[in-house]
Amino acid sequence: GVAVEVSMPARLLETPERYAQAVAVARALGATRARVALLSGRRYESFTTANDWHAFRTMWRDTLVRMRPEFDRHAFAIGLENHKDWLAPELID
């Protein structure tokens, strides 16, 4: 079989409505999973202070935890891209 993957903008993970719509479109295209980059660019290029990075990381951690029931409800695999920005313990958290 063939697995179709789409790239999904991170903002579509922020609300149940956006996520449901994105999943519906992805499934209509035949996708079985999506990949998402939470950060466009590398953190050392995108943030001027450690506090800015920590605020961004906290916002996404809280968003992903809050959205977990939606991810489970739709049963659509999402892979978070990581380009040397998130340490393994940060991803696990």
N, C-alpha and C. Protein backbone atom coordinates (compact mmCIF):
# COMPACT_ATOMS: atom_id res chain seq x y z
N GLY A 1 0.81 -1.18 0.00
CA GLY A 1 0.00 0.00 0.00
C GLY A 1 0.85 1.25 0.00
N VAL A 2 0.23 2.32 -0.26
CA VAL A 2 0.88 3.62 -0.28
C VAL A 2 0.29 4.49 0.82
N ALA A 3 1.15 5.13 1.58
CA ALA A 3 0.69 6.07 2.60
C ALA A 3 0.92 7.48 2.07
N VAL A 4 -0.10 8.27 2.06
CA VAL A 4 0.00 9.64 1.60
C VAL A 4 0.13 10.55 2.81
N GLU A 5 1.10 11.44 2.74
CA GLU A 5 1.38 12.37 3.83
C GLU A 5 1.25 13.79 3.31
N VAL A 6 0.70 14.68 4.12
CA VAL A 6 0.62 16.09 3.76
C VAL A 6 1.40 16.90 4.79
N SER A 7 1.81 18.08 4.38
CA SER A 7 2.43 19.01 5.31
C SER A 7 1.34 19.96 5.78
N MET A 8 1.19 20.09 7.08
CA MET A 8 0.11 20.87 7.66
C MET A 8 0.70 22.07 8.41
N PRO A 9 0.22 23.28 8.14
CA PRO A 9 0.70 24.43 8.92
C PRO A 9 0.36 24.27 10.39
N ALA A 10 1.27 24.65 11.26
CA ALA A 10 1.08 24.48 12.70
C ALA A 10 -0.18 25.17 13.21
N ARG A 11 -0.56 26.30 12.63
CA ARG A 11 -1.73 27.03 13.12
C ARG A 11 -3.00 26.18 13.06
N LEU A 12 -3.01 25.14 12.22
CA LEU A 12 -4.18 24.28 12.12
C LEU A 12 -4.32 23.34 13.31
N LEU A 13 -3.31 23.30 14.16
CA LEU A 13 -3.38 22.48 15.37
C LEU A 13 -3.90 23.26 16.57
N GLU A 14 -4.19 24.54 16.38
CA GLU A 14 -4.50 25.41 17.51
C GLU A 14 -5.94 25.33 18.01
N THR A 15 -6.90 24.96 17.16
CA THR A 15 -8.29 24.87 17.60
C THR A 15 -8.93 23.60 17.05
N PRO A 16 -9.92 23.07 17.75
CA PRO A 16 -10.60 21.88 17.26
C PRO A 16 -11.21 22.08 15.87
N GLU A 17 -11.75 23.26 15.62
CA GLU A 17 -12.40 23.51 14.32
C GLU A 17 -11.38 23.50 13.19
N ARG A 18 -10.28 24.19 13.38
CA ARG A 18 -9.23 24.22 12.34
C ARG A 18 -8.68 22.81 12.09
N TYR A 19 -8.44 22.10 13.18
CA TYR A 19 -7.89 20.76 13.05
C TYR A 19 -8.85 19.82 12.33
N ALA A 20 -10.11 19.85 12.69
CA ALA A 20 -11.11 18.99 12.04
C ALA A 20 -11.19 19.28 10.55
N GLN A 21 -11.16 20.56 10.20
CA GLN A 21 -11.21 20.92 8.79
C GLN A 21 -9.96 20.45 8.05
N ALA A 22 -8.80 20.62 8.67
CA ALA A 22 -7.54 20.18 8.04
C ALA A 22 -7.53 18.66 7.84
N VAL A 23 -8.00 17.93 8.83
CA VAL A 23 -8.05 16.47 8.72
C VAL A 23 -9.01 16.06 7.61
N ALA A 24 -10.15 16.71 7.52
CA ALA A 24 -11.13 16.38 6.47
C ALA A 24 -10.53 16.61 5.09
N VAL A 25 -9.83 17.71 4.90
CA VAL A 25 -9.20 18.00 3.61
C VAL A 25 -8.10 16.98 3.33
N ALA A 26 -7.27 16.70 4.33
CA ALA A 26 -6.18 15.74 4.14
C ALA A 26 -6.73 14.36 3.77
N ARG A 27 -7.77 13.94 4.46
CA ARG A 27 -8.36 12.63 4.15
C ARG A 27 -8.99 12.62 2.76
N ALA A 28 -9.61 13.73 2.37
CA ALA A 28 -10.20 13.82 1.02
C ALA A 28 -9.12 13.69 -0.04
N LEU A 29 -7.91 14.11 0.28
CA LEU A 29 -6.78 13.99 -0.64
C LEU A 29 -6.15 12.60 -0.59
N GLY A 30 -6.62 11.78 0.34
CA GLY A 30 -6.09 10.43 0.48
C GLY A 30 -4.96 10.30 1.48
N ALA A 31 -4.69 11.37 2.23
CA ALA A 31 -3.60 11.33 3.21
C ALA A 31 -3.98 10.48 4.41
N THR A 32 -3.00 9.78 4.93
CA THR A 32 -3.19 8.97 6.13
C THR A 32 -2.44 9.54 7.32
N ARG A 33 -1.65 10.58 7.07
CA ARG A 33 -0.88 11.23 8.13
C ARG A 33 -0.43 12.60 7.66
N ALA A 34 0.02 13.41 8.62
CA ALA A 34 0.52 14.75 8.29
C ALA A 34 1.78 15.03 9.08
N ARG A 35 2.57 15.91 8.55
CA ARG A 35 3.74 16.37 9.29
C ARG A 35 3.57 17.86 9.54
N VAL A 36 4.06 18.28 10.69
CA VAL A 36 3.89 19.67 11.11
C VAL A 36 5.21 20.18 11.68
N ALA A 37 5.61 21.35 11.22
CA ALA A 37 6.76 22.04 11.80
C ALA A 37 6.21 23.15 12.69
N LEU A 38 6.42 23.04 13.98
CA LEU A 38 5.91 24.06 14.89
C LEU A 38 6.71 25.35 14.77
N LEU A 39 7.94 25.23 14.35
CA LEU A 39 8.83 26.38 14.23
C LEU A 39 9.31 26.48 12.80
N SER A 40 9.16 27.64 12.21
CA SER A 40 9.67 27.88 10.86
C SER A 40 11.06 28.48 11.01
N GLY A 41 12.07 27.71 10.74
CA GLY A 41 13.45 28.15 10.97
C GLY A 41 13.98 27.50 12.22
N ARG A 42 15.19 27.81 12.56
CA ARG A 42 15.81 27.24 13.75
C ARG A 42 15.66 28.20 14.93
N ARG A 43 15.57 27.62 16.13
CA ARG A 43 15.29 28.47 17.29
C ARG A 43 16.37 29.51 17.52
N TYR A 44 17.64 29.19 17.23
CA TYR A 44 18.69 30.17 17.44
C TYR A 44 18.66 31.29 16.40
N GLU A 45 17.89 31.10 15.33
CA GLU A 45 17.70 32.15 14.33
C GLU A 45 16.39 32.91 14.55
N SER A 46 15.43 32.27 15.18
CA SER A 46 14.09 32.83 15.31
C SER A 46 13.86 33.62 16.59
N PHE A 47 14.62 33.35 17.64
CA PHE A 47 14.38 33.98 18.93
C PHE A 47 15.62 34.73 19.39
N THR A 48 15.41 35.93 19.91
CA THR A 48 16.55 36.73 20.36
C THR A 48 16.94 36.45 21.80
N THR A 49 16.01 35.90 22.57
CA THR A 49 16.32 35.58 23.97
C THR A 49 15.84 34.17 24.31
N ALA A 50 16.43 33.63 25.33
CA ALA A 50 15.99 32.32 25.82
C ALA A 50 14.56 32.39 26.31
N ASN A 51 14.18 33.51 26.91
CA ASN A 51 12.80 33.66 27.39
C ASN A 51 11.80 33.60 26.25
N ASP A 52 12.14 34.19 25.10
CA ASP A 52 11.25 34.11 23.93
C ASP A 52 11.07 32.66 23.50
N TRP A 53 12.16 31.90 23.47
CA TRP A 53 12.09 30.48 23.10
C TRP A 53 11.24 29.71 24.11
N HIS A 54 11.46 29.96 25.39
CA HIS A 54 10.71 29.24 26.43
C HIS A 54 9.21 29.55 26.35
N ALA A 55 8.85 30.80 26.04
CA ALA A 55 7.44 31.17 25.89
C ALA A 55 6.83 30.43 24.70
N PHE A 56 7.55 30.37 23.60
CA PHE A 56 7.09 29.65 22.41
C PHE A 56 6.90 28.17 22.72
N ARG A 57 7.90 27.58 23.36
CA ARG A 57 7.84 26.16 23.71
C ARG A 57 6.67 25.88 24.65
N THR A 58 6.46 26.73 25.65
CA THR A 58 5.37 26.55 26.60
C THR A 58 4.02 26.68 25.89
N MET A 59 3.89 27.65 25.01
CA MET A 59 2.64 27.84 24.27
C MET A 59 2.30 26.58 23.47
N TRP A 60 3.30 26.01 22.77
CA TRP A 60 3.02 24.82 21.97
C TRP A 60 2.79 23.59 22.84
N ARG A 61 3.50 23.47 23.93
CA ARG A 61 3.26 22.33 24.82
C ARG A 61 1.83 22.38 25.34
N ASP A 62 1.39 23.54 25.81
CA ASP A 62 0.03 23.70 26.31
C ASP A 62 -1.00 23.45 25.21
N THR A 63 -0.72 23.93 24.00
CA THR A 63 -1.65 23.73 22.88
C THR A 63 -1.78 22.25 22.55
N LEU A 64 -0.67 21.55 22.45
CA LEU A 64 -0.71 20.13 22.10
C LEU A 64 -1.40 19.30 23.18
N VAL A 65 -1.17 19.63 24.44
CA VAL A 65 -1.85 18.92 25.53
C VAL A 65 -3.35 19.19 25.46
N ARG A 66 -3.72 20.44 25.27
CA ARG A 66 -5.15 20.81 25.19
C ARG A 66 -5.83 20.13 24.00
N MET A 67 -5.10 19.99 22.90
CA MET A 67 -5.68 19.43 21.68
C MET A 67 -5.62 17.90 21.63
N ARG A 68 -4.99 17.28 22.59
CA ARG A 68 -4.83 15.82 22.59
C ARG A 68 -6.15 15.07 22.38
N PRO A 69 -7.24 15.47 23.05
CA PRO A 69 -8.51 14.76 22.81
C PRO A 69 -8.96 14.84 21.35
N GLU A 70 -8.69 15.96 20.70
CA GLU A 70 -9.04 16.09 19.27
C GLU A 70 -8.18 15.18 18.42
N PHE A 71 -6.90 15.12 18.73
CA PHE A 71 -6.00 14.23 17.98
C PHE A 71 -6.48 12.79 18.11
N ASP A 72 -6.84 12.40 19.32
CA ASP A 72 -7.33 11.04 19.55
C ASP A 72 -8.66 10.80 18.84
N ARG A 73 -9.55 11.78 18.90
CA ARG A 73 -10.88 11.63 18.31
C ARG A 73 -10.80 11.42 16.80
N HIS A 74 -9.91 12.14 16.15
CA HIS A 74 -9.81 12.05 14.69
C HIS A 74 -8.93 10.89 14.23
N ALA A 75 -8.13 10.33 15.14
CA ALA A 75 -7.27 9.19 14.82
C ALA A 75 -6.51 9.42 13.51
N PHE A 76 -5.87 10.57 13.43
CA PHE A 76 -5.08 10.94 12.24
C PHE A 76 -3.68 11.25 12.73
N ALA A 77 -2.69 10.49 12.25
CA ALA A 77 -1.33 10.61 12.75
C ALA A 77 -0.70 11.96 12.37
N ILE A 78 -0.09 12.59 13.36
CA ILE A 78 0.62 13.84 13.16
C ILE A 78 2.07 13.63 13.63
N GLY A 79 3.00 13.94 12.74
CA GLY A 79 4.42 13.88 13.09
C GLY A 79 4.97 15.28 13.23
N LEU A 80 5.62 15.56 14.36
CA LEU A 80 6.22 16.87 14.57
C LEU A 80 7.63 16.86 14.01
N GLU A 81 7.88 17.78 13.09
CA GLU A 81 9.22 17.89 12.52
C GLU A 81 10.17 18.45 13.56
N ASN A 82 11.41 18.03 13.48
CA ASN A 82 12.42 18.49 14.42
C ASN A 82 13.74 18.65 13.67
N HIS A 83 14.18 19.88 13.56
CA HIS A 83 15.43 20.16 12.87
C HIS A 83 16.44 20.73 13.88
N LYS A 84 16.83 19.90 14.82
CA LYS A 84 17.80 20.25 15.85
C LYS A 84 17.29 21.29 16.84
N ASP A 85 16.00 21.53 16.88
CA ASP A 85 15.46 22.56 17.77
C ASP A 85 14.98 22.01 19.09
N TRP A 86 14.34 20.85 19.07
CA TRP A 86 13.75 20.29 20.28
C TRP A 86 14.64 19.15 20.74
N LEU A 87 15.04 19.19 21.99
CA LEU A 87 15.79 18.09 22.57
C LEU A 87 14.84 16.93 22.85
N ALA A 88 15.35 15.71 22.88
CA ALA A 88 14.49 14.54 23.10
C ALA A 88 13.63 14.68 24.35
N PRO A 89 14.18 15.12 25.50
CA PRO A 89 13.31 15.28 26.68
C PRO A 89 12.21 16.32 26.48
N GLU A 90 12.48 17.36 25.66
CA GLU A 90 11.46 18.37 25.39
C GLU A 90 10.32 17.77 24.55
N LEU A 91 10.66 16.93 23.59
CA LEU A 91 9.64 16.29 22.77
C LEU A 91 8.80 15.32 23.59
N ILE A 92 9.43 14.60 24.45
CA ILE A 92 8.72 13.64 25.32
C ILE A 92 7.75 14.39 26.22
N ASP A 93 8.21 15.52 26.76
CA ASP A 93 7.37 16.33 27.65
C ASP A 93 6.17 16.83 26.88
